[in-house]
Amino acid sequence: MKPFLRPALALLQPLGYCHQTLRGEFVGGTELPRSDEPISLNATFGQLVDMATKFVRMMPVLAGLRVVRHWAGLDTQTPDIAPLLGPVPEAEGLVLNCGHVYGFMAAPAAGAAVAHYIRDGKLPRIATPFDVRRFGEGREIREDALVVAASEDGGTARSGRPPTRARRAPTSFAACSSAGA
C-alpha cells in the first residue's frame, strides 16, 4: 500500500495506536475493552477481527489489506500511567524502561534516555520525572494529555486523578500490507 499516514497516531477511540512504514506496511494495536482479567498472550481470531473492524472504521482505505503478522501482548501501566525510566536503587545494575501506555511510540526517546544513563551514569533531565522513586516520594506524574480508559475508581490521567493501582490491559497488534506485497 502506498504510504498515506505520515505521523504515528494515538486514537482516543478505539484506544489504539498505529503508524505506517516507509514501505507502506500499516502497523497498529488496539486495547480490548476489559482489563485485569485472566489473560492469554495468544492472539485470537476474535482479537484480529475486533482490531481490523476498529481501524477500517477509522480509515476505510485499510479495507482489504492482507494481514502479514498478528500478535498479542500486555499493556502494563504504572499507577500514575507514566513509564519507569532509569536505575532501581535497591537493585544495583537494574535499569528500567517499562510501563509505557503507548510504548512503541515512546520507545525511541525512552531508549535513548536509558542508553545515555548506561553510558554516562546520569539520566537526561527530561527523563528524571520518570524515576521509580517518585512513588515513595509523592511525585506521581499527572498528565492531562494521555489517551487512556477510566480505571475502576474513576481516576484517569486526563482527570488529574491517577488510578489507585497499576492496570494491565490485553492488547492485540497486527502488521498489514496490500495484497500484492
N, C-alpha and C. Protein backbone atom coordinates (compact mmCIF):
# COMPACT_ATOMS: atom_id res chain seq x y z
N MET A 1 0.86 -1.17 0.00
CA MET A 1 0.00 0.00 0.00
C MET A 1 0.90 1.23 0.00
N LYS A 2 0.57 2.16 -0.85
CA LYS A 2 1.33 3.40 -0.90
C LYS A 2 1.19 4.14 0.43
N PRO A 3 2.30 4.63 1.01
CA PRO A 3 2.20 5.34 2.28
C PRO A 3 1.24 6.52 2.21
N PHE A 4 0.36 6.61 3.19
CA PHE A 4 -0.59 7.72 3.28
C PHE A 4 -0.59 8.33 4.68
N LEU A 5 -0.03 7.63 5.64
CA LEU A 5 -0.08 8.05 7.04
C LEU A 5 1.33 8.45 7.47
N ARG A 6 1.57 9.74 7.58
CA ARG A 6 2.91 10.21 7.92
C ARG A 6 3.21 10.13 9.41
N PRO A 7 2.38 10.68 10.29
CA PRO A 7 2.72 10.59 11.72
C PRO A 7 2.21 9.29 12.33
N ALA A 8 2.77 8.93 13.46
CA ALA A 8 2.17 7.85 14.26
C ALA A 8 0.96 8.46 14.96
N LEU A 9 -0.10 7.68 15.11
CA LEU A 9 -1.33 8.18 15.71
C LEU A 9 -1.67 7.42 16.98
N ALA A 10 -2.16 8.14 17.97
CA ALA A 10 -2.77 7.56 19.16
C ALA A 10 -4.24 7.96 19.09
N LEU A 11 -5.12 6.99 19.11
CA LEU A 11 -6.54 7.24 18.88
C LEU A 11 -7.35 7.06 20.15
N LEU A 12 -8.10 8.08 20.55
CA LEU A 12 -8.95 8.01 21.72
C LEU A 12 -9.94 6.87 21.57
N GLN A 13 -10.61 6.83 20.46
CA GLN A 13 -11.45 5.69 20.13
C GLN A 13 -10.84 5.11 18.87
N PRO A 14 -10.36 3.96 18.92
CA PRO A 14 -10.71 2.78 19.70
C PRO A 14 -9.67 2.38 20.74
N LEU A 15 -9.07 3.31 21.46
CA LEU A 15 -7.94 3.02 22.34
C LEU A 15 -6.88 2.25 21.56
N GLY A 16 -6.39 2.91 20.54
CA GLY A 16 -5.41 2.26 19.68
C GLY A 16 -4.33 3.21 19.25
N TYR A 17 -3.38 2.68 18.55
CA TYR A 17 -2.27 3.45 18.04
C TYR A 17 -1.77 2.76 16.80
N CYS A 18 -1.21 3.54 15.88
CA CYS A 18 -0.78 2.97 14.62
C CYS A 18 0.24 3.87 13.93
N HIS A 19 0.92 3.28 12.98
CA HIS A 19 1.80 4.04 12.10
C HIS A 19 1.96 3.26 10.80
N GLN A 20 2.53 3.88 9.81
CA GLN A 20 2.79 3.22 8.53
C GLN A 20 4.27 3.34 8.24
N THR A 21 4.85 2.23 7.81
CA THR A 21 6.27 2.24 7.49
C THR A 21 6.51 2.92 6.15
N LEU A 22 7.74 3.24 5.86
CA LEU A 22 8.08 3.85 4.57
C LEU A 22 7.80 2.90 3.41
N ARG A 23 7.79 1.59 3.68
CA ARG A 23 7.48 0.60 2.64
C ARG A 23 5.98 0.45 2.44
N GLY A 24 5.18 1.06 3.33
CA GLY A 24 3.73 1.02 3.18
C GLY A 24 2.99 0.12 4.13
N GLU A 25 3.71 -0.71 4.91
CA GLU A 25 3.00 -1.57 5.85
C GLU A 25 2.32 -0.73 6.92
N PHE A 26 1.15 -1.13 7.31
CA PHE A 26 0.39 -0.48 8.37
C PHE A 26 0.57 -1.34 9.62
N VAL A 27 1.03 -0.74 10.71
CA VAL A 27 1.25 -1.46 11.96
C VAL A 27 0.45 -0.77 13.05
N GLY A 28 -0.31 -1.54 13.80
CA GLY A 28 -1.12 -0.92 14.84
C GLY A 28 -1.52 -1.89 15.91
N GLY A 29 -2.10 -1.34 16.95
CA GLY A 29 -2.59 -2.15 18.05
C GLY A 29 -3.78 -1.47 18.69
N THR A 30 -4.66 -2.27 19.25
CA THR A 30 -5.81 -1.74 19.99
C THR A 30 -5.95 -2.52 21.28
N GLU A 31 -6.46 -1.83 22.29
CA GLU A 31 -6.74 -2.50 23.55
C GLU A 31 -8.13 -3.08 23.53
N LEU A 32 -8.28 -4.20 24.20
CA LEU A 32 -9.60 -4.77 24.38
C LEU A 32 -10.31 -3.98 25.46
N PRO A 33 -11.63 -3.99 25.48
CA PRO A 33 -12.36 -3.15 26.44
C PRO A 33 -12.26 -3.63 27.89
N ARG A 34 -11.71 -4.79 28.14
CA ARG A 34 -11.62 -5.32 29.50
C ARG A 34 -10.17 -5.28 29.97
N SER A 35 -9.99 -5.19 31.27
CA SER A 35 -8.63 -5.28 31.81
C SER A 35 -8.66 -6.08 33.10
N ASP A 36 -7.48 -6.52 33.51
CA ASP A 36 -7.30 -7.25 34.75
C ASP A 36 -8.15 -8.51 34.84
N GLU A 37 -8.34 -9.17 33.70
CA GLU A 37 -8.98 -10.48 33.66
C GLU A 37 -7.88 -11.49 33.39
N PRO A 38 -8.16 -12.79 33.58
CA PRO A 38 -7.13 -13.77 33.18
C PRO A 38 -6.79 -13.53 31.72
N ILE A 39 -5.52 -13.43 31.43
CA ILE A 39 -5.09 -13.00 30.11
C ILE A 39 -4.17 -14.05 29.51
N SER A 40 -4.39 -14.33 28.24
CA SER A 40 -3.52 -15.20 27.47
C SER A 40 -2.70 -14.33 26.53
N LEU A 41 -1.48 -14.70 26.30
CA LEU A 41 -0.65 -13.98 25.33
C LEU A 41 -0.83 -14.52 23.93
N ASN A 42 -1.76 -15.46 23.75
CA ASN A 42 -2.04 -16.00 22.42
C ASN A 42 -2.99 -15.06 21.69
N ALA A 43 -2.63 -14.69 20.48
CA ALA A 43 -3.50 -13.87 19.65
C ALA A 43 -4.65 -14.74 19.15
N THR A 44 -5.84 -14.17 19.11
CA THR A 44 -7.01 -14.92 18.65
C THR A 44 -7.59 -14.27 17.41
N PHE A 45 -8.37 -15.05 16.67
CA PHE A 45 -9.05 -14.52 15.50
C PHE A 45 -10.04 -13.43 15.91
N GLY A 46 -10.70 -13.60 17.06
CA GLY A 46 -11.62 -12.59 17.55
C GLY A 46 -10.94 -11.25 17.81
N GLN A 47 -9.73 -11.30 18.37
CA GLN A 47 -8.97 -10.07 18.60
C GLN A 47 -8.63 -9.40 17.27
N LEU A 48 -8.23 -10.19 16.29
CA LEU A 48 -7.88 -9.64 14.98
C LEU A 48 -9.10 -8.99 14.33
N VAL A 49 -10.25 -9.65 14.39
CA VAL A 49 -11.47 -9.07 13.82
C VAL A 49 -11.83 -7.77 14.53
N ASP A 50 -11.72 -7.76 15.87
CA ASP A 50 -12.02 -6.56 16.66
C ASP A 50 -11.12 -5.41 16.22
N MET A 51 -9.82 -5.67 16.13
CA MET A 51 -8.87 -4.62 15.76
C MET A 51 -9.09 -4.16 14.32
N ALA A 52 -9.25 -5.09 13.39
CA ALA A 52 -9.43 -4.72 11.99
C ALA A 52 -10.70 -3.89 11.81
N THR A 53 -11.75 -4.27 12.50
CA THR A 53 -13.01 -3.52 12.41
C THR A 53 -12.82 -2.08 12.89
N LYS A 54 -12.12 -1.92 14.00
CA LYS A 54 -11.89 -0.57 14.55
C LYS A 54 -11.07 0.29 13.59
N PHE A 55 -9.98 -0.26 13.05
CA PHE A 55 -9.12 0.54 12.18
C PHE A 55 -9.78 0.84 10.84
N VAL A 56 -10.49 -0.12 10.26
CA VAL A 56 -11.16 0.13 8.98
C VAL A 56 -12.28 1.15 9.16
N ARG A 57 -12.96 1.13 10.30
CA ARG A 57 -13.98 2.14 10.56
C ARG A 57 -13.34 3.53 10.60
N MET A 58 -12.15 3.66 11.17
CA MET A 58 -11.46 4.95 11.27
C MET A 58 -10.80 5.35 9.94
N MET A 59 -10.29 4.36 9.20
CA MET A 59 -9.56 4.62 7.96
C MET A 59 -10.00 3.60 6.91
N PRO A 60 -11.07 3.87 6.19
CA PRO A 60 -11.60 2.91 5.22
C PRO A 60 -10.59 2.44 4.16
N VAL A 61 -9.55 3.22 3.90
CA VAL A 61 -8.54 2.84 2.92
C VAL A 61 -7.85 1.53 3.32
N LEU A 62 -7.95 1.12 4.58
CA LEU A 62 -7.32 -0.12 5.05
C LEU A 62 -8.11 -1.36 4.69
N ALA A 63 -9.35 -1.23 4.26
CA ALA A 63 -10.19 -2.39 3.91
C ALA A 63 -9.51 -3.22 2.84
N GLY A 64 -9.48 -4.51 3.03
CA GLY A 64 -8.94 -5.42 2.02
C GLY A 64 -7.45 -5.68 2.13
N LEU A 65 -6.76 -5.08 3.09
CA LEU A 65 -5.34 -5.37 3.23
C LEU A 65 -5.13 -6.79 3.74
N ARG A 66 -4.00 -7.35 3.42
CA ARG A 66 -3.63 -8.70 3.85
C ARG A 66 -2.87 -8.58 5.18
N VAL A 67 -3.25 -9.39 6.15
CA VAL A 67 -2.55 -9.41 7.43
C VAL A 67 -1.27 -10.22 7.27
N VAL A 68 -0.15 -9.60 7.60
CA VAL A 68 1.15 -10.26 7.49
C VAL A 68 1.50 -10.97 8.81
N ARG A 69 1.25 -10.30 9.92
CA ARG A 69 1.51 -10.86 11.25
C ARG A 69 0.43 -10.36 12.21
N HIS A 70 0.14 -11.16 13.21
CA HIS A 70 -0.77 -10.75 14.28
C HIS A 70 -0.23 -11.34 15.58
N TRP A 71 -0.12 -10.51 16.59
CA TRP A 71 0.38 -10.97 17.87
C TRP A 71 -0.36 -10.26 18.98
N ALA A 72 -0.21 -10.77 20.18
CA ALA A 72 -0.89 -10.19 21.35
C ALA A 72 0.14 -9.95 22.44
N GLY A 73 -0.20 -9.08 23.35
CA GLY A 73 0.69 -8.79 24.47
C GLY A 73 -0.07 -8.08 25.55
N LEU A 74 0.65 -7.69 26.58
CA LEU A 74 0.05 -6.97 27.69
C LEU A 74 0.54 -5.53 27.68
N ASP A 75 -0.37 -4.63 27.87
CA ASP A 75 -0.04 -3.22 28.00
C ASP A 75 -0.03 -2.96 29.51
N THR A 76 1.13 -3.04 30.11
CA THR A 76 1.22 -2.84 31.56
C THR A 76 1.43 -1.37 31.85
N GLN A 77 0.82 -0.90 32.91
CA GLN A 77 0.89 0.51 33.24
C GLN A 77 1.12 0.69 34.74
N THR A 78 1.85 1.72 35.08
CA THR A 78 2.07 2.07 36.47
C THR A 78 0.82 2.76 37.03
N PRO A 79 0.72 2.91 38.35
CA PRO A 79 -0.48 3.57 38.91
C PRO A 79 -0.71 4.99 38.40
N ASP A 80 0.35 5.71 38.03
CA ASP A 80 0.14 7.07 37.50
C ASP A 80 0.15 7.11 35.97
N ILE A 81 0.18 5.95 35.35
CA ILE A 81 0.12 5.79 33.90
C ILE A 81 1.30 6.47 33.20
N ALA A 82 2.44 6.52 33.85
CA ALA A 82 3.67 7.08 33.25
C ALA A 82 4.75 6.00 33.33
N PRO A 83 5.70 6.01 32.42
CA PRO A 83 6.72 4.96 32.41
C PRO A 83 7.70 5.06 33.57
N LEU A 84 8.46 3.99 33.74
CA LEU A 84 9.57 3.94 34.67
C LEU A 84 10.85 3.94 33.84
N LEU A 85 11.71 4.93 34.07
CA LEU A 85 12.97 5.02 33.34
C LEU A 85 14.12 5.21 34.32
N GLY A 86 15.16 4.41 34.15
CA GLY A 86 16.36 4.60 34.94
C GLY A 86 16.62 3.50 35.95
N PRO A 87 17.59 3.74 36.84
CA PRO A 87 18.04 2.71 37.77
C PRO A 87 17.06 2.46 38.91
N VAL A 88 17.14 1.24 39.45
CA VAL A 88 16.38 0.87 40.65
C VAL A 88 17.39 0.89 41.80
N PRO A 89 17.27 1.83 42.74
CA PRO A 89 18.27 1.97 43.80
C PRO A 89 18.51 0.69 44.61
N GLU A 90 17.47 -0.10 44.82
CA GLU A 90 17.57 -1.29 45.65
C GLU A 90 18.16 -2.48 44.91
N ALA A 91 18.40 -2.37 43.61
CA ALA A 91 18.90 -3.49 42.81
C ALA A 91 20.01 -3.00 41.89
N GLU A 92 21.23 -3.02 42.39
CA GLU A 92 22.36 -2.50 41.63
C GLU A 92 22.44 -3.14 40.25
N GLY A 93 22.58 -2.31 39.23
CA GLY A 93 22.71 -2.78 37.86
C GLY A 93 21.39 -2.95 37.13
N LEU A 94 20.27 -2.85 37.83
CA LEU A 94 18.97 -2.98 37.18
C LEU A 94 18.51 -1.61 36.70
N VAL A 95 18.27 -1.49 35.41
CA VAL A 95 17.83 -0.24 34.79
C VAL A 95 16.51 -0.53 34.09
N LEU A 96 15.50 0.29 34.39
CA LEU A 96 14.16 0.07 33.84
C LEU A 96 13.84 0.98 32.66
N ASN A 97 13.07 0.45 31.74
CA ASN A 97 12.45 1.19 30.65
C ASN A 97 11.15 0.44 30.37
N CYS A 98 10.11 0.72 31.15
CA CYS A 98 8.87 -0.05 31.07
C CYS A 98 7.69 0.78 31.56
N GLY A 99 6.48 0.22 31.41
CA GLY A 99 5.29 0.88 31.92
C GLY A 99 4.72 1.94 31.01
N HIS A 100 5.12 1.94 29.75
CA HIS A 100 4.62 2.94 28.79
C HIS A 100 3.17 2.63 28.42
N VAL A 101 2.34 3.65 28.32
CA VAL A 101 0.99 3.46 27.82
C VAL A 101 1.06 3.15 26.33
N TYR A 102 1.81 3.92 25.58
CA TYR A 102 1.99 3.70 24.15
C TYR A 102 3.47 3.48 23.90
N GLY A 103 3.96 2.30 24.29
CA GLY A 103 5.38 2.02 24.28
C GLY A 103 6.06 2.11 22.94
N PHE A 104 5.43 1.58 21.89
CA PHE A 104 6.17 1.60 20.63
C PHE A 104 6.28 3.00 20.07
N MET A 105 5.45 3.92 20.53
CA MET A 105 5.59 5.30 20.08
C MET A 105 6.62 6.05 20.93
N ALA A 106 6.80 5.66 22.18
CA ALA A 106 7.74 6.33 23.07
C ALA A 106 9.11 5.66 23.09
N ALA A 107 9.20 4.48 22.51
CA ALA A 107 10.43 3.69 22.61
C ALA A 107 11.69 4.41 22.15
N PRO A 108 11.70 5.10 21.03
CA PRO A 108 12.96 5.73 20.61
C PRO A 108 13.51 6.73 21.63
N ALA A 109 12.67 7.61 22.15
CA ALA A 109 13.14 8.61 23.11
C ALA A 109 13.50 7.96 24.45
N ALA A 110 12.68 7.03 24.92
CA ALA A 110 12.97 6.37 26.19
C ALA A 110 14.24 5.53 26.08
N GLY A 111 14.40 4.84 24.97
CA GLY A 111 15.62 4.05 24.76
C GLY A 111 16.86 4.91 24.74
N ALA A 112 16.78 6.07 24.11
CA ALA A 112 17.93 6.99 24.08
C ALA A 112 18.26 7.49 25.49
N ALA A 113 17.22 7.79 26.29
CA ALA A 113 17.47 8.27 27.66
C ALA A 113 18.13 7.20 28.51
N VAL A 114 17.65 5.97 28.41
CA VAL A 114 18.23 4.87 29.20
C VAL A 114 19.64 4.56 28.70
N ALA A 115 19.87 4.59 27.40
CA ALA A 115 21.21 4.36 26.87
C ALA A 115 22.17 5.44 27.38
N HIS A 116 21.70 6.68 27.45
CA HIS A 116 22.51 7.77 27.99
C HIS A 116 22.88 7.47 29.44
N TYR A 117 21.92 6.98 30.23
CA TYR A 117 22.21 6.64 31.62
C TYR A 117 23.25 5.52 31.70
N ILE A 118 23.07 4.48 30.90
CA ILE A 118 24.01 3.35 30.94
C ILE A 118 25.40 3.80 30.54
N ARG A 119 25.50 4.68 29.56
CA ARG A 119 26.80 5.16 29.09
C ARG A 119 27.44 6.15 30.07
N ASP A 120 26.65 7.13 30.58
CA ASP A 120 27.22 8.23 31.35
C ASP A 120 26.90 8.21 32.85
N GLY A 121 26.02 7.29 33.28
CA GLY A 121 25.68 7.22 34.70
C GLY A 121 24.70 8.28 35.17
N LYS A 122 24.09 9.01 34.25
CA LYS A 122 23.14 10.05 34.62
C LYS A 122 22.01 10.10 33.60
N LEU A 123 20.77 10.15 34.11
CA LEU A 123 19.62 10.29 33.21
C LEU A 123 19.57 11.70 32.65
N PRO A 124 19.19 11.85 31.39
CA PRO A 124 18.96 13.19 30.87
C PRO A 124 17.85 13.87 31.69
N ARG A 125 17.94 15.17 31.83
CA ARG A 125 16.97 15.91 32.64
C ARG A 125 15.52 15.63 32.25
N ILE A 126 15.27 15.47 30.97
CA ILE A 126 13.89 15.24 30.51
C ILE A 126 13.32 13.92 31.02
N ALA A 127 14.18 12.97 31.38
CA ALA A 127 13.72 11.66 31.84
C ALA A 127 13.61 11.56 33.36
N THR A 128 14.13 12.51 34.10
CA THR A 128 14.16 12.39 35.57
C THR A 128 12.78 12.30 36.23
N PRO A 129 11.71 12.88 35.69
CA PRO A 129 10.41 12.70 36.35
C PRO A 129 9.94 11.25 36.38
N PHE A 130 10.51 10.39 35.54
CA PHE A 130 10.05 9.01 35.41
C PHE A 130 10.82 8.04 36.31
N ASP A 131 11.57 8.57 37.25
CA ASP A 131 12.34 7.79 38.21
C ASP A 131 11.40 6.93 39.06
N VAL A 132 11.80 5.68 39.32
CA VAL A 132 10.98 4.75 40.10
C VAL A 132 10.72 5.26 41.53
N ARG A 133 11.61 6.10 42.06
CA ARG A 133 11.44 6.61 43.43
C ARG A 133 10.28 7.58 43.57
N ARG A 134 9.70 8.03 42.47
CA ARG A 134 8.63 9.03 42.55
C ARG A 134 7.44 8.54 43.37
N PHE A 135 7.17 7.25 43.38
CA PHE A 135 6.02 6.73 44.12
C PHE A 135 6.22 6.84 45.63
N GLY A 136 7.40 6.58 46.11
CA GLY A 136 7.68 6.70 47.53
C GLY A 136 7.88 8.12 48.00
N GLU A 137 8.10 9.04 47.06
CA GLU A 137 8.37 10.44 47.40
C GLU A 137 7.19 11.36 47.08
N GLY A 138 6.06 10.79 46.70
CA GLY A 138 4.88 11.61 46.40
C GLY A 138 5.02 12.47 45.16
N ARG A 139 5.78 11.98 44.18
CA ARG A 139 5.98 12.75 42.95
C ARG A 139 5.31 12.08 41.76
N GLU A 140 4.13 11.50 41.97
CA GLU A 140 3.43 10.87 40.86
C GLU A 140 3.19 11.90 39.77
N ILE A 141 3.17 11.43 38.55
CA ILE A 141 3.00 12.30 37.39
C ILE A 141 1.52 12.45 37.09
N ARG A 142 1.10 13.67 36.87
CA ARG A 142 -0.27 13.94 36.45
C ARG A 142 -0.23 14.52 35.05
N GLU A 143 -0.65 13.73 34.10
CA GLU A 143 -0.60 14.11 32.69
C GLU A 143 -2.02 14.22 32.16
N ASP A 144 -2.40 15.39 31.71
CA ASP A 144 -3.76 15.60 31.23
C ASP A 144 -3.94 15.29 29.75
N ALA A 145 -2.87 14.96 29.04
CA ALA A 145 -3.00 14.79 27.60
C ALA A 145 -3.02 13.34 27.15
N LEU A 146 -2.88 12.38 28.06
CA LEU A 146 -2.85 10.98 27.65
C LEU A 146 -4.22 10.48 27.26
N VAL A 147 -4.23 9.54 26.34
CA VAL A 147 -5.46 8.89 25.91
C VAL A 147 -5.53 7.56 26.64
N VAL A 148 -6.35 7.48 27.69
CA VAL A 148 -6.45 6.26 28.48
C VAL A 148 -7.90 6.03 28.89
N ALA A 149 -8.18 4.78 29.21
CA ALA A 149 -9.51 4.44 29.69
C ALA A 149 -9.59 4.73 31.18
N ALA A 150 -10.80 4.96 31.67
CA ALA A 150 -11.00 5.20 33.10
C ALA A 150 -10.73 3.92 33.87
N SER A 151 -10.22 4.05 35.07
CA SER A 151 -9.99 2.89 35.92
C SER A 151 -11.24 2.61 36.73
N GLU A 152 -11.18 1.52 37.51
CA GLU A 152 -12.32 1.14 38.34
C GLU A 152 -12.76 2.25 39.28
N ASP A 153 -11.79 3.00 39.83
CA ASP A 153 -12.14 4.03 40.81
C ASP A 153 -12.47 5.37 40.17
N GLY A 154 -12.54 5.38 38.82
CA GLY A 154 -12.92 6.61 38.13
C GLY A 154 -11.76 7.52 37.81
N GLY A 155 -10.57 7.24 38.30
CA GLY A 155 -9.43 8.10 38.02
C GLY A 155 -8.88 7.85 36.63
N THR A 156 -8.43 8.90 35.99
CA THR A 156 -7.74 8.79 34.71
C THR A 156 -6.63 9.80 34.70
N ALA A 157 -5.71 9.61 33.77
CA ALA A 157 -4.64 10.61 33.63
C ALA A 157 -5.23 11.95 33.20
N ARG A 158 -6.29 11.91 32.38
CA ARG A 158 -6.87 13.16 31.89
C ARG A 158 -7.59 13.91 33.00
N SER A 159 -8.13 13.21 33.99
CA SER A 159 -8.86 13.90 35.05
C SER A 159 -7.91 14.47 36.10
N GLY A 160 -6.62 14.10 36.01
CA GLY A 160 -5.68 14.56 37.03
C GLY A 160 -5.68 13.68 38.26
N ARG A 161 -6.57 12.69 38.33
CA ARG A 161 -6.58 11.74 39.44
C ARG A 161 -6.07 10.41 38.92
N PRO A 162 -4.86 10.00 39.28
CA PRO A 162 -4.38 8.72 38.78
C PRO A 162 -5.17 7.57 39.40
N PRO A 163 -5.26 6.44 38.70
CA PRO A 163 -5.91 5.29 39.30
C PRO A 163 -5.15 4.84 40.52
N THR A 164 -5.79 4.09 41.39
CA THR A 164 -5.18 3.70 42.64
C THR A 164 -4.28 2.49 42.52
N ARG A 165 -4.31 1.80 41.40
CA ARG A 165 -3.44 0.65 41.25
C ARG A 165 -3.00 0.53 39.79
N ALA A 166 -1.97 -0.28 39.58
CA ALA A 166 -1.49 -0.50 38.23
C ALA A 166 -2.55 -1.22 37.41
N ARG A 167 -2.51 -1.05 36.12
CA ARG A 167 -3.50 -1.60 35.21
C ARG A 167 -2.82 -2.48 34.20
N ARG A 168 -3.48 -3.56 33.84
CA ARG A 168 -2.99 -4.47 32.81
C ARG A 168 -4.09 -4.62 31.78
N ALA A 169 -3.82 -4.31 30.54
CA ALA A 169 -4.85 -4.40 29.51
C ALA A 169 -4.39 -5.34 28.41
N PRO A 170 -5.24 -6.30 28.02
CA PRO A 170 -4.87 -7.14 26.88
C PRO A 170 -4.87 -6.29 25.61
N THR A 171 -3.85 -6.46 24.80
CA THR A 171 -3.69 -5.65 23.60
C THR A 171 -3.41 -6.57 22.42
N SER A 172 -3.99 -6.24 21.26
CA SER A 172 -3.80 -7.00 20.05
C SER A 172 -3.07 -6.13 19.04
N PHE A 173 -2.08 -6.70 18.33
CA PHE A 173 -1.29 -5.95 17.37
C PHE A 173 -1.32 -6.67 16.02
N ALA A 174 -1.14 -5.94 14.94
CA ALA A 174 -1.04 -6.57 13.61
C ALA A 174 -0.19 -5.71 12.70
N ALA A 175 0.40 -6.37 11.73
CA ALA A 175 1.09 -5.70 10.63
C ALA A 175 0.38 -6.12 9.37
N CYS A 176 0.04 -5.18 8.50
CA CYS A 176 -0.73 -5.46 7.29
C CYS A 176 -0.04 -4.84 6.09
N SER A 177 -0.28 -5.42 4.93
CA SER A 177 0.20 -4.82 3.69
C SER A 177 -0.83 -5.11 2.61
N SER A 178 -0.67 -4.44 1.48
CA SER A 178 -1.61 -4.66 0.38
C SER A 178 -1.43 -6.08 -0.16
N ALA A 179 -2.46 -6.59 -0.80
CA ALA A 179 -2.47 -7.99 -1.26
C ALA A 179 -1.32 -8.28 -2.22
N GLY A 180 -0.87 -7.29 -2.96
CA GLY A 180 0.19 -7.52 -3.93
C GLY A 180 1.59 -7.51 -3.34
N ALA A 181 1.72 -7.14 -2.07
CA ALA A 181 3.06 -7.01 -1.49
C ALA A 181 3.60 -8.34 -1.03
